[in-house]
Protein backbone atom coordinates (compact mmCIF):
# COMPACT_ATOMS: atom_id res chain seq x y z
CA UNK A 1 0.31 -154.60 151.04
CA UNK A 2 1.75 -154.81 147.71
CA UNK A 3 -1.88 -155.26 146.08
CA UNK A 4 -2.95 -152.39 147.70
CA UNK A 5 0.14 -150.23 146.09
CA UNK A 6 -0.97 -151.67 142.79
CA UNK A 7 -4.44 -151.03 143.14
CA UNK A 8 -3.73 -147.19 144.29
CA UNK A 9 -1.36 -146.55 141.22
CA UNK A 10 -4.09 -148.01 138.80
CA UNK A 11 -6.51 -145.73 140.64
CA UNK A 12 -4.56 -142.66 140.45
CA UNK A 13 -4.09 -143.43 136.38
CA UNK A 14 -7.68 -143.86 136.42
CA UNK A 15 -7.93 -140.21 137.97
CA UNK A 16 -6.15 -139.20 135.04
CA UNK A 17 -8.59 -141.26 132.50
CA UNK A 18 -11.65 -139.31 134.00
CA UNK A 19 -10.19 -136.11 134.05
CA UNK A 20 -9.58 -136.19 130.32
CA UNK A 21 -12.83 -137.72 129.66
CA UNK A 22 -14.62 -134.89 131.26
CA UNK A 23 -12.81 -132.41 129.23
CA UNK A 24 -13.36 -134.41 126.30
CA UNK A 25 -17.27 -134.79 127.56
CA UNK A 26 -17.88 -130.87 126.95
CA UNK A 27 -20.16 -130.41 129.78
CA UNK A 28 -21.66 -134.08 129.38
CA UNK A 29 -23.03 -133.28 126.07
CA UNK A 30 -20.81 -136.28 124.44
CA UNK A 31 -22.21 -139.78 125.21
CA UNK A 32 -19.02 -141.78 125.12
CA UNK A 33 -16.49 -139.32 127.07
CA UNK A 34 -19.51 -139.16 129.67
CA UNK A 35 -19.60 -142.84 129.92
CA UNK A 36 -15.82 -143.17 130.29
CA UNK A 37 -15.86 -140.42 132.79
CA UNK A 38 -18.36 -142.31 135.19
CA UNK A 39 -16.71 -145.82 134.75
CA UNK A 40 -13.20 -144.57 135.41
CA UNK A 41 -14.67 -142.19 138.11
CA UNK A 42 -16.36 -145.21 140.05
CA UNK A 43 -13.50 -147.52 139.23
CA UNK A 44 -10.66 -144.72 140.50
CA UNK A 45 -12.64 -144.36 143.96
CA UNK A 46 -13.42 -147.76 144.84
CA UNK A 47 -9.56 -148.49 144.05
CA UNK A 48 -8.70 -145.63 146.23
CA UNK A 49 -11.07 -146.98 148.88
CA UNK A 50 -9.48 -150.57 148.71
CA UNK A 51 -6.01 -149.25 148.93
CA UNK A 52 -6.80 -147.43 152.00
CA UNK A 53 -7.63 -150.33 153.81
CA UNK A 54 -3.95 -150.91 153.98
CA UNK A 55 -1.84 -147.59 153.28
CA UNK A 56 -2.30 -144.77 155.86
CA UNK A 57 -4.70 -142.07 154.40
CA UNK A 58 -2.39 -139.10 154.23
CA UNK A 59 0.26 -141.26 152.14
CA UNK A 60 -2.36 -143.12 149.83
CA UNK A 61 -4.59 -139.92 149.13
CA UNK A 62 -1.47 -137.65 148.44
CA UNK A 63 -0.03 -140.51 145.90
CA UNK A 64 -3.35 -140.94 144.07
CA UNK A 65 -3.88 -137.16 143.69
CA UNK A 66 -0.18 -136.80 142.61
CA UNK A 67 -0.35 -139.41 140.08
CA UNK A 68 -3.77 -138.07 138.75
CA UNK A 69 -1.86 -134.42 138.85
CA UNK A 70 0.87 -135.86 136.90
CA UNK A 71 -1.01 -137.96 134.53
CA UNK A 72 -3.58 -135.44 133.59
CA UNK A 73 -0.80 -132.88 133.08
CA UNK A 74 0.80 -135.08 130.78
CA UNK A 75 -2.31 -135.85 128.76
CA UNK A 76 -2.76 -131.99 128.50
CA UNK A 77 0.47 -131.30 127.06
CA UNK A 78 0.57 -134.60 124.96
CA UNK A 79 -3.14 -134.76 123.73
CA UNK A 80 -4.71 -131.09 123.95
CA UNK A 81 -1.63 -129.36 122.86
CA UNK A 82 -1.39 -127.23 126.34
CA UNK A 83 1.50 -125.32 126.88
CA UNK A 84 5.22 -127.09 127.99
CA UNK A 85 7.83 -125.02 129.43
CA UNK A 86 10.66 -126.21 131.64
CA UNK A 87 9.02 -124.48 134.68
CA UNK A 88 6.03 -126.72 134.21
CA UNK A 89 8.08 -130.16 133.56
CA UNK A 90 10.36 -129.01 136.66
CA UNK A 91 7.12 -128.69 139.34
CA UNK A 92 5.85 -132.11 137.76
CA UNK A 93 9.04 -133.72 138.60
CA UNK A 94 8.88 -131.99 142.16
CA UNK A 95 5.65 -133.38 142.48
CA UNK A 96 7.10 -137.06 141.51
CA UNK A 97 9.54 -136.46 144.09
CA UNK A 98 6.86 -135.83 146.89
CA UNK A 99 5.02 -139.15 145.68
CA UNK A 100 8.21 -141.12 146.17
CA UNK A 101 9.35 -139.49 149.32
CA UNK A 102 5.89 -140.18 150.73
CA UNK A 103 5.95 -143.68 149.62
CA UNK A 104 9.53 -144.33 150.96
CA UNK A 105 8.79 -142.67 154.39
CA UNK A 106 5.46 -144.12 154.71
CA UNK A 107 4.94 -146.53 157.97
CA UNK A 108 4.25 -150.22 157.40
CA UNK A 109 0.90 -151.16 157.80
């Protein structure tokens, strides 16, 4: 079960990687960001599939998406110069709180 959670977290991080690579690929016109996108997408989905063998679907998918959303937002702010505000940070913290809550209330499989 621990391995499934580790794989799920890594897969969530890879979701941020493919999202960042997608924007860097400029509509798949740049080779290396497009290659990174494809590899990260396949690895992320494979990891999610593996993790969902042991983790309940609703919890696993929500955690995976939440990690991807928060990671992608942080990447946008840090690397792409997207706007940062107290409201955005509060919303990201709320997402993290929801992820932690789902993990803590997830039934043991």
